[in-house]
Amino acid sequence: MTLAWLGHSTVLINFYGVRILTDPVLYRRVGVDLGLGTLGPLRLVQCALSRHELPEIDLVLVSHAHFDHLDRPSLRSLRGLPAAVMAWGTTDLLPRRRFRSVAELRWNESTRVTTPHGDLVVRAIEVKHWGARIGRDRWRGYAGFVVEREGHRLLVAGDTAMTPLFREHRRFGPYDAAVMPIGAYNPWIFAHCTPEQAVSMANAADARLIVPVHHQSFRLSNEPFMEPIERAQRALAGEPERLALREIGETIVLPR
């Protein structure tokens, strides 16, 4: 099992042969797709792999409809014939292209995904966030995901503020790793957790390794650029081996 952080919340996962991409954001900007370009925040550190360098994707996970997580140009450009598992009320935003299958999940719903490289089970879990894309569509869902294959499990939190819910998610574990957001908390603490809170929630869920994401890519908040990862390192100073990644482009290989 390998996890490569490409930037922001995009992680390329080889889950014992099944290639998964989380919340794919591959281009220089995120925001409103104008057809000829995108109007929105500019990426400060480029994506670790371009769309041409990515392998064919078996499964794409989309946690909610915010522009920095559901990026239509990126979804349109993925190689292969991926399955898509998404939070409830978001599949209408998928770009026109072929998908092997498309599933919307409400919290605690699960689906078995069949790919050319094997099957896996994806479960949607409740987190503390919000799902509107343009402000008026607050009915849209949002979720984290638990992915299971060959007796191993990953937790992909999507976006979340601090919540005791991760103690409940412990029943689906233990987890080889938890992909946790650690940035954009100042002043958006009502929707995004601090690094210390991310560590606390991963501990509550019983995750062995922590993969910190949602930082170092876009200027979406006021905290200093490197503060999230520095705080995450301090929070795990007593067990630094649990912090799987620190920089965009790093890859971690998990033993069986």
Protein backbone atom coordinates (compact mmCIF):
# COMPACT_ATOMS: atom_id res chain seq x y z
CA MET A 1 0.00 0.00 0.00
CA THR A 2 1.43 3.40 -0.96
CA LEU A 3 0.15 6.94 -0.44
CA ALA A 4 1.61 9.89 -2.37
CA TRP A 5 0.57 13.42 -1.45
CA LEU A 6 0.16 15.38 -4.69
CA GLY A 7 -0.96 18.59 -2.95
CA HIS A 8 -3.93 20.07 -1.09
CA SER A 9 -6.32 17.14 -0.40
CA THR A 10 -5.24 15.06 -3.40
CA VAL A 11 -3.62 11.76 -2.47
CA LEU A 12 -2.71 9.05 -4.97
CA ILE A 13 -3.15 5.68 -3.27
CA ASN A 14 -2.13 2.25 -4.47
CA PHE A 15 -4.33 0.08 -2.30
CA TYR A 16 -2.92 -3.38 -3.03
CA GLY A 17 -3.25 -2.83 -6.77
CA VAL A 18 -6.33 -0.56 -6.84
CA ARG A 19 -5.37 3.01 -7.76
CA ILE A 20 -7.38 5.61 -5.86
CA LEU A 21 -7.30 9.41 -6.12
CA THR A 22 -8.86 11.58 -3.40
CA ASP A 23 -10.46 14.98 -4.12
CA PRO A 24 -8.41 15.50 -7.32
CA VAL A 25 -7.18 19.07 -7.85
CA LEU A 26 -4.44 19.03 -10.48
CA TYR A 27 -4.33 22.47 -12.09
CA ARG A 28 -2.93 25.92 -11.26
CA ARG A 29 -6.23 27.34 -9.99
CA VAL A 30 -9.40 26.17 -8.28
CA GLY A 31 -12.73 27.94 -8.62
CA VAL A 32 -15.35 28.63 -11.24
CA ASP A 33 -14.74 26.69 -14.46
CA LEU A 34 -15.12 29.17 -17.33
CA GLY A 35 -14.42 26.61 -20.02
CA LEU A 36 -11.27 28.37 -21.25
CA GLY A 37 -9.86 28.69 -17.74
CA THR A 38 -10.64 28.78 -14.03
CA LEU A 39 -11.37 31.86 -11.91
CA GLY A 40 -10.16 31.35 -8.35
CA PRO A 41 -7.17 30.93 -6.01
CA LEU A 42 -3.77 30.27 -7.58
CA ARG A 43 -1.76 27.26 -6.49
CA LEU A 44 1.38 28.28 -4.59
CA VAL A 45 3.15 24.92 -4.94
CA GLN A 46 2.49 23.01 -8.11
CA CYS A 47 0.85 19.58 -8.07
CA ALA A 48 3.47 16.84 -7.63
CA LEU A 49 2.21 15.02 -10.74
CA SER A 50 0.57 16.50 -13.82
CA ARG A 51 -2.48 14.86 -15.30
CA HIS A 52 -0.23 13.35 -18.00
CA GLU A 53 2.01 11.76 -15.36
CA LEU A 54 -0.80 10.14 -13.40
CA PRO A 55 -1.53 6.45 -13.95
CA GLU A 56 -4.97 5.28 -14.97
CA ILE A 57 -7.24 5.70 -11.96
CA ASP A 58 -9.56 2.94 -10.74
CA LEU A 59 -11.50 4.94 -8.13
CA VAL A 60 -11.93 8.62 -7.38
CA LEU A 61 -13.28 9.76 -3.99
CA VAL A 62 -14.95 13.18 -3.73
CA SER A 63 -15.75 14.32 -0.19
CA HIS A 64 -17.88 17.39 -0.97
CA ALA A 65 -18.68 20.04 -3.57
CA HIS A 66 -16.34 22.88 -2.55
CA PHE A 67 -14.28 24.09 -5.49
CA ASP A 68 -11.00 23.00 -3.89
CA HIS A 69 -12.27 19.42 -3.57
CA LEU A 70 -14.61 18.90 -6.52
CA ASP A 71 -12.63 20.34 -9.43
CA ARG A 72 -14.42 19.63 -12.69
CA PRO A 73 -11.41 20.14 -15.01
CA SER A 74 -9.36 17.70 -12.92
CA LEU A 75 -12.13 15.09 -12.88
CA ARG A 76 -12.58 15.50 -16.62
CA SER A 77 -8.89 14.91 -17.29
CA LEU A 78 -8.32 11.70 -15.32
CA ARG A 79 -6.89 8.80 -17.30
CA GLY A 80 -8.67 5.47 -17.41
CA LEU A 81 -12.27 4.59 -16.67
CA PRO A 82 -12.56 5.31 -12.95
CA ALA A 83 -15.41 4.55 -10.62
CA ALA A 84 -16.55 7.59 -8.61
CA VAL A 85 -17.78 7.51 -5.01
CA MET A 86 -19.05 10.87 -3.82
CA ALA A 87 -20.88 12.55 -0.98
CA TRP A 88 -24.64 12.67 -1.35
CA GLY A 89 -26.03 15.39 -3.63
CA THR A 90 -22.85 16.02 -5.64
CA THR A 91 -22.92 13.76 -8.70
CA ASP A 92 -24.79 16.36 -10.77
CA LEU A 93 -21.52 18.33 -10.75
CA LEU A 94 -19.51 15.60 -12.44
CA PRO A 95 -18.15 16.66 -15.84
CA ARG A 96 -19.21 14.89 -18.99
CA ARG A 97 -16.98 11.88 -19.39
CA ARG A 98 -17.25 8.13 -18.92
CA PHE A 99 -17.07 6.63 -15.46
CA ARG A 100 -17.10 2.91 -14.73
CA SER A 101 -19.71 3.53 -12.04
CA VAL A 102 -20.97 6.44 -9.95
CA ALA A 103 -22.25 6.20 -6.38
CA GLU A 104 -23.53 8.84 -3.96
CA LEU A 105 -23.34 7.91 -0.29
CA ARG A 106 -25.05 9.32 2.75
CA TRP A 107 -23.37 8.94 6.13
CA ASN A 108 -22.99 5.27 7.17
CA GLU A 109 -23.93 3.99 3.71
CA SER A 110 -21.43 1.77 1.95
CA THR A 111 -20.88 0.39 -1.52
CA ARG A 112 -18.74 -2.33 -3.07
CA VAL A 113 -16.66 -0.97 -5.92
CA THR A 114 -15.51 -3.34 -8.67
CA THR A 115 -12.39 -2.36 -10.60
CA PRO A 116 -10.12 -4.16 -13.09
CA HIS A 117 -7.59 -4.57 -10.27
CA GLY A 118 -9.93 -5.92 -7.61
CA ASP A 119 -12.85 -4.96 -5.39
CA LEU A 120 -13.00 -2.77 -2.32
CA VAL A 121 -15.65 -1.41 0.02
CA VAL A 122 -16.19 2.31 0.58
CA ARG A 123 -18.23 3.67 3.49
CA ALA A 124 -19.22 7.31 3.98
CA ILE A 125 -18.70 8.66 7.49
CA GLU A 126 -20.02 11.78 9.19
CA VAL A 127 -17.66 14.71 9.70
CA LYS A 128 -18.21 18.32 10.76
CA HIS A 129 -18.21 20.56 7.70
CA TRP A 130 -20.71 21.90 5.13
CA GLY A 131 -21.40 21.09 1.50
CA ALA A 132 -22.66 24.11 -0.45
CA ARG A 133 -20.80 24.97 -3.65
CA ILE A 134 -22.30 28.38 -4.42
CA GLY A 135 -23.94 29.35 -1.12
CA ARG A 136 -27.54 28.64 -2.08
CA ASP A 137 -27.18 24.86 -2.38
CA ARG A 138 -26.61 24.00 1.25
CA TRP A 139 -28.58 20.79 0.75
CA ARG A 140 -25.50 19.16 -0.75
CA GLY A 141 -23.86 16.50 1.35
CA TYR A 142 -20.32 16.13 2.66
CA ALA A 143 -18.50 13.13 4.10
CA GLY A 144 -15.31 11.36 4.94
CA PHE A 145 -14.67 7.83 3.73
CA VAL A 146 -13.47 4.50 5.05
CA VAL A 147 -11.90 2.33 2.35
CA GLU A 148 -11.38 -1.39 2.98
CA ARG A 149 -9.57 -4.04 0.96
CA GLU A 150 -7.91 -7.35 1.91
CA GLY A 151 -8.53 -6.74 5.60
CA HIS A 152 -6.85 -3.32 5.58
CA ARG A 153 -8.57 0.03 6.08
CA LEU A 154 -7.84 3.66 5.33
CA LEU A 155 -9.72 6.64 6.74
CA VAL A 156 -10.01 9.66 4.42
CA ALA A 157 -11.50 12.51 6.43
CA GLY A 158 -12.16 15.02 3.63
CA ASP A 159 -12.68 18.36 5.39
CA THR A 160 -13.72 18.53 9.01
CA ALA A 161 -13.73 20.71 12.08
CA MET A 162 -13.10 19.22 15.50
CA THR A 163 -15.78 16.67 16.37
CA PRO A 164 -16.16 13.69 18.73
CA LEU A 165 -17.52 11.64 15.81
CA PHE A 166 -14.15 10.04 15.12
CA ARG A 167 -14.44 8.04 18.32
CA GLU A 168 -17.55 6.46 16.78
CA HIS A 169 -15.64 5.77 13.54
CA ARG A 170 -13.25 3.67 15.60
CA ARG A 171 -15.66 0.76 15.23
CA PHE A 172 -14.83 0.50 11.52
CA GLY A 173 -11.06 0.38 12.20
CA PRO A 174 -8.32 -0.01 13.14
CA TYR A 175 -6.85 2.02 10.28
CA ASP A 176 -3.47 1.63 8.66
CA ALA A 177 -3.53 5.40 8.06
CA ALA A 178 -5.84 8.40 8.34
CA VAL A 179 -5.71 11.18 5.74
CA MET A 180 -6.45 14.24 7.88
CA PRO A 181 -6.83 17.96 6.98
CA ILE A 182 -4.63 20.27 9.07
CA GLY A 183 -4.95 23.72 7.44
CA ALA A 184 -7.34 26.64 6.77
CA TYR A 185 -8.39 26.93 10.43
CA ASN A 186 -7.77 30.69 10.85
CA PRO A 187 -10.42 32.06 10.87
CA TRP A 188 -12.44 29.06 9.58
CA ILE A 189 -12.22 27.03 12.79
CA PHE A 190 -15.95 26.22 12.57
CA ALA A 191 -15.23 24.16 9.43
CA HIS A 192 -11.54 23.20 9.60
CA CYS A 193 -9.64 21.60 12.46
CA THR A 194 -6.26 22.64 13.80
CA PRO A 195 -3.30 20.24 13.44
CA GLU A 196 -3.58 19.28 17.11
CA GLN A 197 -7.28 18.52 16.66
CA ALA A 198 -6.52 16.44 13.56
CA VAL A 199 -4.08 14.34 15.58
CA SER A 200 -6.63 13.97 18.37
CA MET A 201 -9.34 12.78 15.96
CA ALA A 202 -6.99 10.33 14.23
CA ASN A 203 -6.09 8.95 17.68
CA ALA A 204 -9.75 8.66 18.58
CA ALA A 205 -10.37 6.65 15.40
CA ASP A 206 -7.37 4.37 16.11
CA ALA A 207 -5.22 5.25 13.10
CA ARG A 208 -1.63 4.01 13.06
CA LEU A 209 -0.25 6.69 10.70
CA ILE A 210 -1.43 10.23 10.01
CA VAL A 211 -1.24 11.70 6.49
CA PRO A 212 -1.62 15.50 6.84
CA VAL A 213 -3.25 17.29 3.89
CA HIS A 214 -5.12 20.53 3.10
CA HIS A 215 -2.11 22.83 3.53
CA GLN A 216 0.91 24.16 1.58
CA SER A 217 -1.03 24.42 -1.71
CA PHE A 218 -3.43 27.39 -1.76
CA ARG A 219 -3.79 30.52 0.34
CA LEU A 220 -7.27 29.87 1.77
CA SER A 221 -6.82 31.30 5.28
CA ASN A 222 -4.66 33.54 7.47
CA GLU A 223 -2.31 31.20 9.31
CA PRO A 224 1.36 31.34 8.20
CA PHE A 225 2.12 29.07 5.25
CA MET A 226 4.20 26.47 7.16
CA GLU A 227 2.41 26.72 10.50
CA PRO A 228 0.07 23.72 10.02
CA ILE A 229 2.82 21.18 9.40
CA GLU A 230 5.04 22.68 12.11
CA ARG A 231 2.20 22.38 14.62
CA ALA A 232 1.48 18.82 13.46
CA GLN A 233 5.12 17.90 14.03
CA ARG A 234 5.04 19.36 17.53
CA ALA A 235 1.79 17.52 18.29
CA LEU A 236 3.50 14.25 17.35
CA ALA A 237 6.92 15.06 18.83
CA GLY A 238 6.70 12.03 21.12
CA GLU A 239 5.97 9.63 18.23
CA PRO A 240 7.27 11.34 15.04
CA GLU A 241 7.15 8.08 13.07
CA ARG A 242 3.34 8.39 12.93
CA LEU A 243 3.53 11.54 10.78
CA ALA A 244 3.65 9.86 7.39
CA LEU A 245 4.31 12.86 5.14
CA ARG A 246 5.52 16.44 5.51
CA GLU A 247 6.00 17.85 2.01
CA ILE A 248 4.08 17.79 -1.26
CA GLY A 249 5.40 14.98 -3.45
CA GLU A 250 6.36 12.64 -0.62
CA THR A 251 5.29 9.00 -0.73
CA ILE A 252 4.86 6.56 2.14
CA VAL A 253 4.95 2.79 1.70
CA LEU A 254 2.93 0.88 4.29
CA PRO A 255 4.03 -2.64 5.17
CA ARG A 256 1.45 -5.37 4.94
